[in-house]
PDB file of N, CA and C in Angstrom:
ATOM      1  N   MET A   1      -2.481 -47.079  13.684  1.00  0.00           N
ATOM      2  CA  MET A   1      -1.916 -45.748  13.793  1.00  0.00           C
ATOM      3  C   MET A   1      -1.689 -45.133  12.404  1.00  0.00           C
ATOM      4  N   PHE A   2      -1.022 -45.895  11.529  1.00  0.00           N
ATOM      5  CA  PHE A   2      -0.752 -45.381  10.182  1.00  0.00           C
ATOM      6  C   PHE A   2      -2.040 -45.210   9.387  1.00  0.00           C
ATOM      7  N   LEU A   3      -3.004 -46.124   9.603  1.00  0.00           N
ATOM      8  CA  LEU A   3      -4.289 -46.042   8.906  1.00  0.00           C
ATOM      9  C   LEU A   3      -5.056 -44.798   9.343  1.00  0.00           C
ATOM     10  N   ASP A   4      -4.987 -44.464  10.617  1.00  0.00           N
ATOM     11  CA  ASP A   4      -5.649 -43.240  11.086  1.00  0.00           C
ATOM     12  C   ASP A   4      -5.040 -41.993  10.445  1.00  0.00           C
ATOM     13  N   LEU A   5      -3.742 -42.016  10.248  1.00  0.00           N
ATOM     14  CA  LEU A   5      -3.064 -40.893   9.613  1.00  0.00           C
ATOM     15  C   LEU A   5      -3.504 -40.752   8.157  1.00  0.00           C
ATOM     16  N   LEU A   6      -3.680 -41.870   7.464  1.00  0.00           N
ATOM     17  CA  LEU A   6      -4.114 -41.832   6.072  1.00  0.00           C
ATOM     18  C   LEU A   6      -5.562 -41.383   5.915  1.00  0.00           C
ATOM     19  N   LEU A   7      -6.391 -41.706   6.900  1.00  0.00           N
ATOM     20  CA  LEU A   7      -7.810 -41.381   6.806  1.00  0.00           C
ATOM     21  C   LEU A   7      -8.137 -39.953   7.247  1.00  0.00           C
ATOM     22  N   GLN A   8      -7.164 -39.248   7.768  1.00  0.00           N
ATOM     23  CA  GLN A   8      -7.412 -37.862   8.154  1.00  0.00           C
ATOM     24  C   GLN A   8      -7.679 -37.024   6.914  1.00  0.00           C
ATOM     25  N   GLU A   9      -8.477 -36.012   7.097  1.00  0.00           N
ATOM     26  CA  GLU A   9      -8.827 -35.144   5.972  1.00  0.00           C
ATOM     27  C   GLU A   9      -7.632 -34.266   5.595  1.00  0.00           C
ATOM     28  N   ALA A  10      -7.310 -34.278   4.329  1.00  0.00           N
ATOM     29  CA  ALA A  10      -6.200 -33.460   3.832  1.00  0.00           C
ATOM     30  C   ALA A  10      -6.629 -32.001   3.787  1.00  0.00           C
ATOM     31  N   PRO A  11      -5.695 -31.078   3.998  1.00  0.00           N
ATOM     32  CA  PRO A  11      -6.059 -29.654   3.902  1.00  0.00           C
ATOM     33  C   PRO A  11      -6.448 -29.280   2.480  1.00  0.00           C
ATOM     34  N   SER A  12      -7.374 -28.363   2.373  1.00  0.00           N
ATOM     35  CA  SER A  12      -7.839 -27.927   1.071  1.00  0.00           C
ATOM     36  C   SER A  12      -7.012 -26.724   0.615  1.00  0.00           C
ATOM     37  N   TYR A  13      -6.337 -26.887  -0.512  1.00  0.00           N
ATOM     38  CA  TYR A  13      -5.521 -25.818  -1.056  1.00  0.00           C
ATOM     39  C   TYR A  13      -6.224 -25.107  -2.209  1.00  0.00           C
ATOM     40  N   GLY A  14      -7.522 -25.343  -2.379  1.00  0.00           N
ATOM     41  CA  GLY A  14      -8.273 -24.714  -3.455  1.00  0.00           C
ATOM     42  C   GLY A  14      -8.251 -23.192  -3.414  1.00  0.00           C
ATOM     43  N   PRO A  15      -8.561 -22.577  -2.279  1.00  0.00           N
ATOM     44  CA  PRO A  15      -8.527 -21.107  -2.224  1.00  0.00           C
ATOM     45  C   PRO A  15      -7.133 -20.520  -2.487  1.00  0.00           C
ATOM     46  N   LEU A  16      -6.103 -21.198  -1.992  1.00  0.00           N
ATOM     47  CA  LEU A  16      -4.744 -20.728  -2.251  1.00  0.00           C
ATOM     48  C   LEU A  16      -4.407 -20.835  -3.737  1.00  0.00           C
ATOM     49  N   ALA A  17      -4.781 -21.954  -4.334  1.00  0.00           N
ATOM     50  CA  ALA A  17      -4.523 -22.136  -5.770  1.00  0.00           C
ATOM     51  C   ALA A  17      -5.310 -21.125  -6.594  1.00  0.00           C
ATOM     52  N   ALA A  18      -6.547 -20.840  -6.182  1.00  0.00           N
ATOM     53  CA  ALA A  18      -7.349 -19.853  -6.905  1.00  0.00           C
ATOM     54  C   ALA A  18      -6.730 -18.464  -6.803  1.00  0.00           C
ATOM     55  N   GLY A  19      -6.257 -18.116  -5.633  1.00  0.00           N
ATOM     56  CA  GLY A  19      -5.602 -16.817  -5.469  1.00  0.00           C
ATOM     57  C   GLY A  19      -4.337 -16.695  -6.298  1.00  0.00           C
ATOM     58  N   LEU A  20      -3.562 -17.760  -6.321  1.00  0.00           N
ATOM     59  CA  LEU A  20      -2.347 -17.740  -7.146  1.00  0.00           C
ATOM     60  C   LEU A  20      -2.681 -17.692  -8.627  1.00  0.00           C
ATOM     61  N   ALA A  21      -3.740 -18.408  -9.033  1.00  0.00           N
ATOM     62  CA  ALA A  21      -4.107 -18.435 -10.458  1.00  0.00           C
ATOM     63  C   ALA A  21      -4.512 -17.047 -10.945  1.00  0.00           C
ATOM     64  N   ILE A  22      -5.355 -16.368 -10.202  1.00  0.00           N
ATOM     65  CA  ILE A  22      -5.799 -15.056 -10.671  1.00  0.00           C
ATOM     66  C   ILE A  22      -4.705 -14.011 -10.455  1.00  0.00           C
ATOM     67  N   GLY A  23      -3.918 -14.159  -9.380  1.00  0.00           N
ATOM     68  CA  GLY A  23      -2.836 -13.197  -9.144  1.00  0.00           C
ATOM     69  C   GLY A  23      -1.763 -13.260 -10.206  1.00  0.00           C
ATOM     70  N   LEU A  24      -1.271 -14.464 -10.474  1.00  0.00           N
ATOM     71  CA  LEU A  24      -0.237 -14.618 -11.493  1.00  0.00           C
ATOM     72  C   LEU A  24      -0.814 -14.446 -12.890  1.00  0.00           C
ATOM     73  N   GLY A  25      -2.084 -14.805 -13.072  1.00  0.00           N
ATOM     74  CA  GLY A  25      -2.707 -14.663 -14.386  1.00  0.00           C
ATOM     75  C   GLY A  25      -3.032 -13.233 -14.746  1.00  0.00           C
ATOM     76  N   ALA A  26      -3.051 -12.342 -13.769  1.00  0.00           N
ATOM     77  CA  ALA A  26      -3.353 -10.939 -14.048  1.00  0.00           C
ATOM     78  C   ALA A  26      -2.100 -10.084 -14.184  1.00  0.00           C
ATOM     79  N   ILE A  27      -0.964 -10.617 -13.772  1.00  0.00           N
ATOM     80  CA  ILE A  27       0.274  -9.830 -13.856  1.00  0.00           C
ATOM     81  C   ILE A  27       0.658  -9.572 -15.309  1.00  0.00           C
ATOM     82  N   GLY A  28       0.670 -10.631 -16.103  1.00  0.00           N
ATOM     83  CA  GLY A  28       1.076 -10.497 -17.509  1.00  0.00           C
ATOM     84  C   GLY A  28       0.193  -9.553 -18.312  1.00  0.00           C
ATOM     85  N   PRO A  29      -1.133  -9.777 -18.291  1.00  0.00           N
ATOM     86  CA  PRO A  29      -2.000  -8.840 -19.017  1.00  0.00           C
ATOM     87  C   PRO A  29      -1.924  -7.412 -18.490  1.00  0.00           C
ATOM     88  N   GLY A  30      -1.755  -7.244 -17.194  1.00  0.00           N
ATOM     89  CA  GLY A  30      -1.638  -5.893 -16.650  1.00  0.00           C
ATOM     90  C   GLY A  30      -0.412  -5.169 -17.170  1.00  0.00           C
ATOM     91  N   ILE A  31       0.708  -5.873 -17.177  1.00  0.00           N
ATOM     92  CA  ILE A  31       1.940  -5.273 -17.707  1.00  0.00           C
ATOM     93  C   ILE A  31       1.804  -5.028 -19.206  1.00  0.00           C
ATOM     94  N   GLY A  32       1.247  -6.016 -19.915  1.00  0.00           N
ATOM     95  CA  GLY A  32       1.096  -5.883 -21.366  1.00  0.00           C
ATOM     96  C   GLY A  32       0.187  -4.735 -21.768  1.00  0.00           C
ATOM     97  N   ILE A  33      -0.924  -4.588 -21.063  1.00  0.00           N
ATOM     98  CA  ILE A  33      -1.851  -3.498 -21.364  1.00  0.00           C
ATOM     99  C   ILE A  33      -1.187  -2.152 -21.063  1.00  0.00           C
ATOM    100  N   GLY A  34      -0.466  -2.076 -19.948  1.00  0.00           N
ATOM    101  CA  GLY A  34       0.211  -0.831 -19.601  1.00  0.00           C
ATOM    102  C   GLY A  34       1.239  -0.425 -20.645  1.00  0.00           C
ATOM    103  N   ILE A  35       2.030  -1.382 -21.100  1.00  0.00           N
ATOM    104  CA  ILE A  35       3.046  -1.069 -22.112  1.00  0.00           C
ATOM    105  C   ILE A  35       2.385  -0.700 -23.436  1.00  0.00           C
ATOM    106  N   ALA A  36       1.365  -1.457 -23.845  1.00  0.00           N
ATOM    107  CA  ALA A  36       0.710  -1.203 -25.136  1.00  0.00           C
ATOM    108  C   ALA A  36       0.055   0.172 -25.174  1.00  0.00           C
ATOM    109  N   VAL A  37      -0.685   0.494 -24.132  1.00  0.00           N
ATOM    110  CA  VAL A  37      -1.371   1.787 -24.109  1.00  0.00           C
ATOM    111  C   VAL A  37      -0.361   2.930 -23.991  1.00  0.00           C
ATOM    112  N   GLY A  38       0.679   2.718 -23.204  1.00  0.00           N
ATOM    113  CA  GLY A  38       1.701   3.759 -23.076  1.00  0.00           C
ATOM    114  C   GLY A  38       2.396   4.050 -24.397  1.00  0.00           C
ATOM    115  N   LYS A  39       2.756   2.988 -25.119  1.00  0.00           N
ATOM    116  CA  LYS A  39       3.412   3.189 -26.416  1.00  0.00           C
ATOM    117  C   LYS A  39       2.448   3.789 -27.441  1.00  0.00           C
ATOM    118  N   ALA A  40       1.178   3.386 -27.372  1.00  0.00           N
ATOM    119  CA  ALA A  40       0.199   3.958 -28.304  1.00  0.00           C
ATOM    120  C   ALA A  40       0.001   5.444 -28.034  1.00  0.00           C
ATOM    121  N   MET A  41      -0.076   5.832 -26.779  1.00  0.00           N
ATOM    122  CA  MET A  41      -0.227   7.248 -26.455  1.00  0.00           C
ATOM    123  C   MET A  41       1.022   8.033 -26.841  1.00  0.00           C
ATOM    124  N   GLU A  42       2.178   7.409 -26.696  1.00  0.00           N
ATOM    125  CA  GLU A  42       3.413   8.057 -27.124  1.00  0.00           C
ATOM    126  C   GLU A  42       3.428   8.257 -28.636  1.00  0.00           C
ATOM    127  N   ALA A  43       2.972   7.241 -29.380  1.00  0.00           N
ATOM    128  CA  ALA A  43       2.929   7.357 -30.845  1.00  0.00           C
ATOM    129  C   ALA A  43       1.928   8.416 -31.289  1.00  0.00           C
ATOM    130  N   ILE A  44       0.780   8.466 -30.648  1.00  0.00           N
ATOM    131  CA  ILE A  44      -0.225   9.478 -30.999  1.00  0.00           C
ATOM    132  C   ILE A  44       0.277  10.876 -30.629  1.00  0.00           C
ATOM    133  N   GLY A  45       1.002  10.985 -29.519  1.00  0.00           N
ATOM    134  CA  GLY A  45       1.562  12.280 -29.135  1.00  0.00           C
ATOM    135  C   GLY A  45       2.603  12.783 -30.116  1.00  0.00           C
ATOM    136  N   ARG A  46       3.372  11.868 -30.676  1.00  0.00           N
ATOM    137  CA  ARG A  46       4.390  12.277 -31.642  1.00  0.00           C
ATOM    138  C   ARG A  46       3.802  12.573 -33.012  1.00  0.00           C
ATOM    139  N   ASN A  47       2.742  11.827 -33.368  1.00  0.00           N
ATOM    140  CA  ASN A  47       2.137  11.987 -34.691  1.00  0.00           C
ATOM    141  C   ASN A  47       0.615  11.918 -34.551  1.00  0.00           C
ATOM    142  N   PRO A  48      -0.047  13.028 -34.228  1.00  0.00           N
ATOM    143  CA  PRO A  48      -1.489  13.000 -33.986  1.00  0.00           C
ATOM    144  C   PRO A  48      -2.311  12.559 -35.201  1.00  0.00           C
ATOM    145  N   GLU A  49      -1.790  12.733 -36.406  1.00  0.00           N
ATOM    146  CA  GLU A  49      -2.542  12.324 -37.594  1.00  0.00           C
ATOM    147  C   GLU A  49      -2.663  10.803 -37.693  1.00  0.00           C
ATOM    148  N   ALA A  50      -1.790  10.071 -37.027  1.00  0.00           N
ATOM    149  CA  ALA A  50      -1.796   8.606 -37.096  1.00  0.00           C
ATOM    150  C   ALA A  50      -2.647   7.965 -36.010  1.00  0.00           C
ATOM    151  N   SER A  51      -3.446   8.761 -35.330  1.00  0.00           N
ATOM    152  CA  SER A  51      -4.221   8.198 -34.225  1.00  0.00           C
ATOM    153  C   SER A  51      -5.208   7.129 -34.684  1.00  0.00           C
ATOM    154  N   GLY A  52      -5.774   7.301 -35.868  1.00  0.00           N
ATOM    155  CA  GLY A  52      -6.716   6.295 -36.371  1.00  0.00           C
ATOM    156  C   GLY A  52      -6.051   4.970 -36.672  1.00  0.00           C
ATOM    157  N   THR A  53      -4.831   5.007 -37.183  1.00  0.00           N
ATOM    158  CA  THR A  53      -4.132   3.761 -37.512  1.00  0.00           C
ATOM    159  C   THR A  53      -3.502   3.105 -36.290  1.00  0.00           C
ATOM    160  N   VAL A  54      -3.297   3.848 -35.220  1.00  0.00           N
ATOM    161  CA  VAL A  54      -2.701   3.299 -34.006  1.00  0.00           C
ATOM    162  C   VAL A  54      -3.776   2.794 -33.051  1.00  0.00           C
ATOM    163  N   PHE A  55      -4.913   3.476 -33.029  1.00  0.00           N
ATOM    164  CA  PHE A  55      -5.925   3.208 -32.012  1.00  0.00           C
ATOM    165  C   PHE A  55      -6.566   1.826 -32.165  1.00  0.00           C
ATOM    166  N   LEU A  56      -6.964   1.458 -33.358  1.00  0.00           N
ATOM    167  CA  LEU A  56      -7.664   0.181 -33.547  1.00  0.00           C
ATOM    168  C   LEU A  56      -6.783  -1.029 -33.234  1.00  0.00           C
ATOM    169  N   PRO A  57      -5.554  -1.125 -33.737  1.00  0.00           N
ATOM    170  CA  PRO A  57      -4.719  -2.269 -33.332  1.00  0.00           C
ATOM    171  C   PRO A  57      -4.427  -2.299 -31.836  1.00  0.00           C
ATOM    172  N   MET A  58      -4.330  -1.113 -31.206  1.00  0.00           N
ATOM    173  CA  MET A  58      -4.114  -1.081 -29.770  1.00  0.00           C
ATOM    174  C   MET A  58      -5.305  -1.671 -29.034  1.00  0.00           C
ATOM    175  N   ILE A  59      -6.513  -1.303 -29.441  1.00  0.00           N
ATOM    176  CA  ILE A  59      -7.719  -1.821 -28.791  1.00  0.00           C
ATOM    177  C   ILE A  59      -7.826  -3.332 -28.983  1.00  0.00           C
ATOM    178  N   ILE A  60      -7.499  -3.832 -30.154  1.00  0.00           N
ATOM    179  CA  ILE A  60      -7.545  -5.278 -30.398  1.00  0.00           C
ATOM    180  C   ILE A  60      -6.512  -5.994 -29.523  1.00  0.00           C
ATOM    181  N   GLY A  61      -5.317  -5.449 -29.425  1.00  0.00           N
ATOM    182  CA  GLY A  61      -4.291  -6.043 -28.571  1.00  0.00           C
ATOM    183  C   GLY A  61      -4.668  -6.030 -27.105  1.00  0.00           C
ATOM    184  N   VAL A  62      -5.268  -4.945 -26.652  1.00  0.00           N
ATOM    185  CA  VAL A  62      -5.720  -4.853 -25.264  1.00  0.00           C
ATOM    186  C   VAL A  62      -6.825  -5.877 -25.000  1.00  0.00           C
ATOM    187  N   ALA A  63      -7.709  -6.077 -25.959  1.00  0.00           N
ATOM    188  CA  ALA A  63      -8.780  -7.056 -25.789  1.00  0.00           C
ATOM    189  C   ALA A  63      -8.220  -8.472 -25.674  1.00  0.00           C
ATOM    190  N   PHE A  64      -7.218  -8.795 -26.484  1.00  0.00           N
ATOM    191  CA  PHE A  64      -6.597 -10.119 -26.376  1.00  0.00           C
ATOM    192  C   PHE A  64      -5.882 -10.291 -25.043  1.00  0.00           C
ATOM    193  N   ALA A  65      -5.214  -9.272 -24.563  1.00  0.00           N
ATOM    194  CA  ALA A  65      -4.537  -9.355 -23.271  1.00  0.00           C
ATOM    195  C   ALA A  65      -5.553  -9.499 -22.142  1.00  0.00           C
ATOM    196  N   GLU A  66      -6.660  -8.806 -22.246  1.00  0.00           N
ATOM    197  CA  GLU A  66      -7.704  -8.900 -21.226  1.00  0.00           C
ATOM    198  C   GLU A  66      -8.365 -10.278 -21.241  1.00  0.00           C
ATOM    199  N   ALA A  67      -8.428 -10.898 -22.405  1.00  0.00           N
ATOM    200  CA  ALA A  67      -8.997 -12.245 -22.494  1.00  0.00           C
ATOM    201  C   ALA A  67      -8.163 -13.236 -21.689  1.00  0.00           C
ATOM    202  N   VAL A  68      -6.856 -13.041 -21.639  1.00  0.00           N
ATOM    203  CA  VAL A  68      -5.998 -13.915 -20.840  1.00  0.00           C
ATOM    204  C   VAL A  68      -6.319 -13.751 -19.354  1.00  0.00           C
ATOM    205  N   ALA A  69      -6.554 -12.537 -18.918  1.00  0.00           N
ATOM    206  CA  ALA A  69      -6.902 -12.300 -17.512  1.00  0.00           C
ATOM    207  C   ALA A  69      -8.262 -12.904 -17.178  1.00  0.00           C
ATOM    208  N   ILE A  70      -9.208 -12.813 -18.081  1.00  0.00           N
ATOM    209  CA  ILE A  70     -10.531 -13.409 -17.848  1.00  0.00           C
ATOM    210  C   ILE A  70     -10.416 -14.927 -17.804  1.00  0.00           C
ATOM    211  N   TYR A  71      -9.570 -15.502 -18.656  1.00  0.00           N
ATOM    212  CA  TYR A  71      -9.334 -16.940 -18.624  1.00  0.00           C
ATOM    213  C   TYR A  71      -8.738 -17.349 -17.277  1.00  0.00           C
ATOM    214  N   ALA A  72      -7.819 -16.577 -16.740  1.00  0.00           N
ATOM    215  CA  ALA A  72      -7.237 -16.870 -15.426  1.00  0.00           C
ATOM    216  C   ALA A  72      -8.296 -16.780 -14.335  1.00  0.00           C
ATOM    217  N   LEU A  73      -9.228 -15.845 -14.452  1.00  0.00           N
ATOM    218  CA  LEU A  73     -10.314 -15.742 -13.473  1.00  0.00           C
ATOM    219  C   LEU A  73     -11.210 -16.968 -13.526  1.00  0.00           C
ATOM    220  N   ILE A  74     -11.511 -17.460 -14.711  1.00  0.00           N
ATOM    221  CA  ILE A  74     -12.340 -18.659 -14.843  1.00  0.00           C
ATOM    222  C   ILE A  74     -11.621 -19.867 -14.245  1.00  0.00           C
ATOM    223  N   ILE A  75     -10.334 -19.999 -14.508  1.00  0.00           N
ATOM    224  CA  ILE A  75      -9.547 -21.089 -13.922  1.00  0.00           C
ATOM    225  C   ILE A  75      -9.553 -20.993 -12.398  1.00  0.00           C
ATOM    226  N   ALA A  76      -9.464 -19.784 -11.875  1.00  0.00           N
ATOM    227  CA  ALA A  76      -9.489 -19.600 -10.418  1.00  0.00           C
ATOM    228  C   ALA A  76     -10.832 -20.051  -9.838  1.00  0.00           C
ATOM    229  N   PHE A  77     -11.935 -19.755 -10.520  1.00  0.00           N
ATOM    230  CA  PHE A  77     -13.247 -20.215 -10.049  1.00  0.00           C
ATOM    231  C   PHE A  77     -13.345 -21.733 -10.100  1.00  0.00           C
ATOM    232  N   VAL A  78     -12.830 -22.337 -11.153  1.00  0.00           N
ATOM    233  CA  VAL A  78     -12.889 -23.794 -11.282  1.00  0.00           C
ATOM    234  C   VAL A  78     -12.048 -24.462 -10.188  1.00  0.00           C
ATOM    235  N   VAL A  79     -10.854 -23.922  -9.947  1.00  0.00           N
ATOM    236  CA  VAL A  79      -9.969 -24.515  -8.952  1.00  0.00           C
ATOM    237  C   VAL A  79     -10.545 -24.386  -7.547  1.00  0.00           C
ATOM    238  N   SER A  80     -11.144 -23.249  -7.262  1.00  0.00           N
ATOM    239  CA  SER A  80     -11.665 -23.039  -5.898  1.00  0.00           C
ATOM    240  C   SER A  80     -12.938 -23.829  -5.643  1.00  0.00           C
ATOM    241  N   GLY A  81     -13.606 -24.278  -6.690  1.00  0.00           N
ATOM    242  CA  GLY A  81     -14.804 -25.079  -6.508  1.00  0.00           C
ATOM    243  C   GLY A  81     -16.064 -24.268  -6.338  1.00  0.00           C
ATOM    244  N   SER A  82     -16.020 -22.994  -6.619  1.00  0.00           N
ATOM    245  CA  SER A  82     -17.215 -22.145  -6.470  1.00  0.00           C
ATOM    246  C   SER A  82     -18.039 -22.132  -7.727  1.00  0.00           C
TER     247      SER A  82
END
């Protein structure tokens, strides 16, 4: 009886783990990108002459934040087994 219980196939939590990985992994970059772009647009609105000095660091920061989301997507693919 106990041996039959042990030999039963365990449920696969891969899809659930993949969904959680990409869902939680996209929250941080989404919030970070929203705050960064919002503050950059606010700075450019207050001082339009500084748009060149604000724009490039903002784009670099957004790219780094997006890299975290892409990393979470790759982890989700690995976990799900696809």
